[in-house]
Amino acid sequence: MTEDLILVGRIGRTHGIRGDVFVNPETDAPEDRFVPGRVLHLEAPGRSERVTIASVKFHQGRPIVGFEGIDTMEAAEVLAGAELRIPEAELPPLPEDTYYRHDLVGCEVTDTAGQPIGRVTSVDGPMERSRLVIAGPRGEVMVPMVGGICVRVDPGAKLIVVDPPEGLLDL
C-alpha cells in the first residue's frame, strides 16, 4: 500500500557549514510542518528516503532545517532541489471555507455562466493572499482566492466557479 504524499517544501541552498538548508515552504503552516522530530519523505531524482528533522529556526518566514545524519555543507549541498513531503493522513482538518493547495490543483474553473476558464495548475501566495494560477485557452491567468470572486469552491467535484471583476481575466 502506498501513501498519498503531499508536498510541503523544497530544499534550497545550504546555510552554514553544519549541514543546515533553507526550505522553500509549499505549505500555509510551515511552523507546524517543520518541527524537530518530524519525519519527512525526501524525494529527488534517484533518491527517495525518510529524513528526520533535528533542528529548525526561521529566517524571514523561511525555515532553516537541519536533518539527522546530514552534518556537513557537502552532504547538504546534494539535497538542493529535493522535495519534502508528508503523508496526506497527517494533515489536520481545516476550518470551513479553507482548502489545502493540493485539493485545488487540477480543479476546472468556470465563470458564473458556466463558461470554461481553465484548470488550476498551482496556488501562489500565502493563505491570506492566495491566487489561483489557471491555464486556459487565453494563456495563464491569476485569480485572487477571495469570497467575492471565488463564489463556489468544490474540491470534491474538482470545480471552482468564479465571478471575476471586469478585466481580471485579461491581465
Protein backbone atom coordinates (compact mmCIF):
# COMPACT_ATOMS: atom_id res chain seq x y z
CA MET A 1 0.00 0.00 0.00
CA THR A 2 1.46 3.37 -0.98
CA GLU A 3 0.80 6.55 0.93
CA ASP A 4 -0.51 9.70 -0.70
CA LEU A 5 2.33 12.14 -0.07
CA ILE A 6 1.75 15.89 -0.04
CA LEU A 7 4.44 18.41 -0.94
CA VAL A 8 5.27 20.72 2.00
CA GLY A 9 8.58 22.20 0.84
CA ARG A 10 11.57 22.19 -1.47
CA ILE A 11 15.14 22.27 -0.26
CA GLY A 12 17.03 25.38 -1.32
CA ARG A 13 20.62 26.35 -0.69
CA THR A 14 22.73 25.40 2.29
CA HIS A 15 23.03 27.59 5.36
CA GLY A 16 26.34 27.50 7.19
CA ILE A 17 28.81 24.64 7.38
CA ARG A 18 26.89 22.21 9.62
CA GLY A 19 24.50 20.79 7.02
CA ASP A 20 21.53 23.09 7.52
CA VAL A 21 19.44 24.02 4.48
CA PHE A 22 16.89 26.68 3.63
CA VAL A 23 13.50 25.23 2.81
CA ASN A 24 11.11 26.96 0.43
CA PRO A 25 7.78 26.12 2.07
CA GLU A 26 4.92 24.82 -0.05
CA THR A 27 2.51 24.93 2.86
CA ASP A 28 0.49 27.59 4.61
CA ALA A 29 1.68 26.41 8.02
CA PRO A 30 5.47 25.97 7.91
CA GLU A 31 5.72 26.39 11.69
CA ASP A 32 3.52 23.27 12.06
CA ARG A 33 5.20 21.21 9.33
CA PHE A 34 8.85 21.85 10.17
CA VAL A 35 9.46 20.88 13.79
CA PRO A 36 12.26 18.84 15.38
CA GLY A 37 11.48 15.13 15.37
CA ARG A 38 9.15 15.22 12.36
CA VAL A 39 9.83 12.58 9.76
CA LEU A 40 9.56 13.80 6.17
CA HIS A 41 9.81 11.98 2.88
CA LEU A 42 12.69 13.39 0.83
CA GLU A 43 12.36 12.86 -2.92
CA ALA A 44 14.93 13.77 -5.54
CA PRO A 45 15.94 12.19 -8.85
CA GLY A 46 17.36 8.79 -7.98
CA ARG A 47 16.72 9.27 -4.27
CA SER A 48 13.75 8.63 -2.03
CA GLU A 49 14.16 8.31 1.72
CA ARG A 50 12.78 9.33 5.06
CA VAL A 51 14.60 12.09 6.92
CA THR A 52 14.13 13.32 10.47
CA ILE A 53 14.30 16.99 11.34
CA ALA A 54 16.96 17.59 14.01
CA SER A 55 16.70 21.39 14.25
CA VAL A 56 14.65 24.26 12.87
CA LYS A 57 14.91 28.02 13.00
CA PHE A 58 13.11 30.58 10.88
CA HIS A 59 14.64 33.43 8.94
CA GLN A 60 12.26 35.89 7.25
CA GLY A 61 9.50 33.29 7.25
CA ARG A 62 11.63 30.53 5.73
CA PRO A 63 12.64 27.50 7.76
CA ILE A 64 16.31 26.65 8.07
CA VAL A 65 16.34 22.93 8.74
CA GLY A 66 18.99 20.51 9.97
CA PHE A 67 18.39 16.80 9.35
CA GLU A 68 19.68 13.92 11.42
CA GLY A 69 22.77 12.43 9.74
CA ILE A 70 23.36 15.46 7.49
CA ASP A 71 26.04 17.40 9.31
CA THR A 72 28.30 18.92 6.65
CA MET A 73 27.78 21.52 3.98
CA GLU A 74 28.87 18.98 1.35
CA ALA A 75 26.23 16.45 2.47
CA ALA A 76 23.58 19.17 2.44
CA GLU A 77 24.51 20.57 -0.99
CA VAL A 78 23.38 17.39 -2.77
CA LEU A 79 19.89 17.86 -1.30
CA ALA A 80 19.25 21.13 -3.16
CA GLY A 81 16.03 20.91 -5.15
CA ALA A 82 14.73 17.84 -3.32
CA GLU A 83 11.06 17.79 -2.39
CA LEU A 84 9.88 17.28 1.18
CA ARG A 85 6.56 15.50 1.62
CA ILE A 86 4.30 14.22 4.38
CA PRO A 87 1.53 11.61 4.25
CA GLU A 88 -1.84 13.16 3.49
CA ALA A 89 -3.26 11.36 6.53
CA GLU A 90 -1.09 13.60 8.77
CA LEU A 91 -2.84 16.77 7.60
CA PRO A 92 -5.27 18.18 10.16
CA PRO A 93 -8.80 19.14 9.14
CA LEU A 94 -9.19 22.74 8.02
CA PRO A 95 -11.72 25.36 9.06
CA GLU A 96 -14.74 25.86 6.83
CA ASP A 97 -14.04 27.67 3.52
CA THR A 98 -10.32 26.88 3.78
CA TYR A 99 -8.62 24.44 1.41
CA TYR A 100 -5.34 22.65 1.01
CA ARG A 101 -3.49 23.76 -2.11
CA HIS A 102 -3.20 20.20 -3.42
CA ASP A 103 -7.01 19.92 -3.30
CA LEU A 104 -7.38 22.93 -5.62
CA VAL A 105 -4.74 21.97 -8.20
CA GLY A 106 -6.47 20.23 -11.09
CA CYS A 107 -9.86 21.84 -10.48
CA GLU A 108 -11.74 23.10 -13.53
CA VAL A 109 -12.59 26.79 -13.31
CA THR A 110 -15.69 28.28 -14.91
CA ASP A 111 -17.41 31.64 -14.67
CA THR A 112 -20.91 32.01 -13.21
CA ALA A 113 -22.41 31.50 -16.68
CA GLY A 114 -20.67 28.13 -16.95
CA GLN A 115 -18.08 29.27 -19.49
CA PRO A 116 -14.78 27.43 -19.01
CA ILE A 117 -11.77 29.49 -17.96
CA GLY A 118 -9.23 26.71 -17.50
CA ARG A 119 -7.66 24.38 -14.98
CA VAL A 120 -5.82 25.30 -11.75
CA THR A 121 -2.12 24.47 -12.15
CA SER A 122 -0.94 25.92 -8.83
CA VAL A 123 -1.83 28.21 -5.96
CA ASP A 124 0.55 31.11 -5.28
CA GLY A 125 0.98 33.32 -2.25
CA PRO A 126 0.34 32.94 1.46
CA MET A 127 -3.04 31.81 2.72
CA GLU A 128 -4.39 35.33 3.29
CA ARG A 129 -3.41 36.43 -0.26
CA SER A 130 -3.64 33.23 -2.30
CA ARG A 131 -4.07 33.34 -6.07
CA LEU A 132 -5.23 30.53 -8.30
CA VAL A 133 -2.93 30.07 -11.29
CA ILE A 134 -5.16 28.91 -14.12
CA ALA A 135 -4.06 27.58 -17.50
CA GLY A 136 -6.66 28.09 -20.21
CA PRO A 137 -7.16 28.87 -23.86
CA ARG A 138 -6.22 32.54 -23.28
CA GLY A 139 -2.99 31.54 -21.55
CA GLU A 140 -2.23 31.71 -17.85
CA VAL A 141 -4.40 33.90 -15.62
CA MET A 142 -4.30 34.53 -11.88
CA VAL A 143 -7.47 34.84 -9.86
CA PRO A 144 -7.45 36.01 -6.23
CA MET A 145 -8.82 33.39 -3.86
CA VAL A 146 -11.38 35.66 -2.21
CA GLY A 147 -15.05 35.23 -1.43
CA GLY A 148 -16.41 37.85 -3.81
CA ILE A 149 -14.58 36.36 -6.78
CA CYS A 150 -14.46 32.62 -5.99
CA VAL A 151 -18.15 32.08 -5.44
CA ARG A 152 -18.10 28.26 -5.35
CA VAL A 153 -15.17 26.06 -4.42
CA ASP A 154 -15.86 22.33 -4.56
CA PRO A 155 -12.63 20.32 -4.43
CA GLY A 156 -14.62 17.07 -4.28
CA ALA A 157 -16.19 17.84 -7.66
CA LYS A 158 -12.88 19.39 -8.88
CA LEU A 159 -14.79 22.59 -9.71
CA ILE A 160 -14.32 26.27 -8.89
CA VAL A 161 -16.82 28.88 -10.07
CA VAL A 162 -15.60 32.47 -10.24
CA ASP A 163 -17.28 35.83 -10.76
CA PRO A 164 -14.30 37.89 -11.94
CA PRO A 165 -14.45 41.67 -11.99
CA GLU A 166 -14.29 43.17 -15.46
CA GLY A 167 -10.82 42.94 -16.96
CA LEU A 168 -9.36 40.47 -14.44
CA LEU A 169 -9.08 37.63 -16.94
CA ASP A 170 -7.42 39.93 -19.47
CA LEU A 171 -4.44 40.73 -17.22
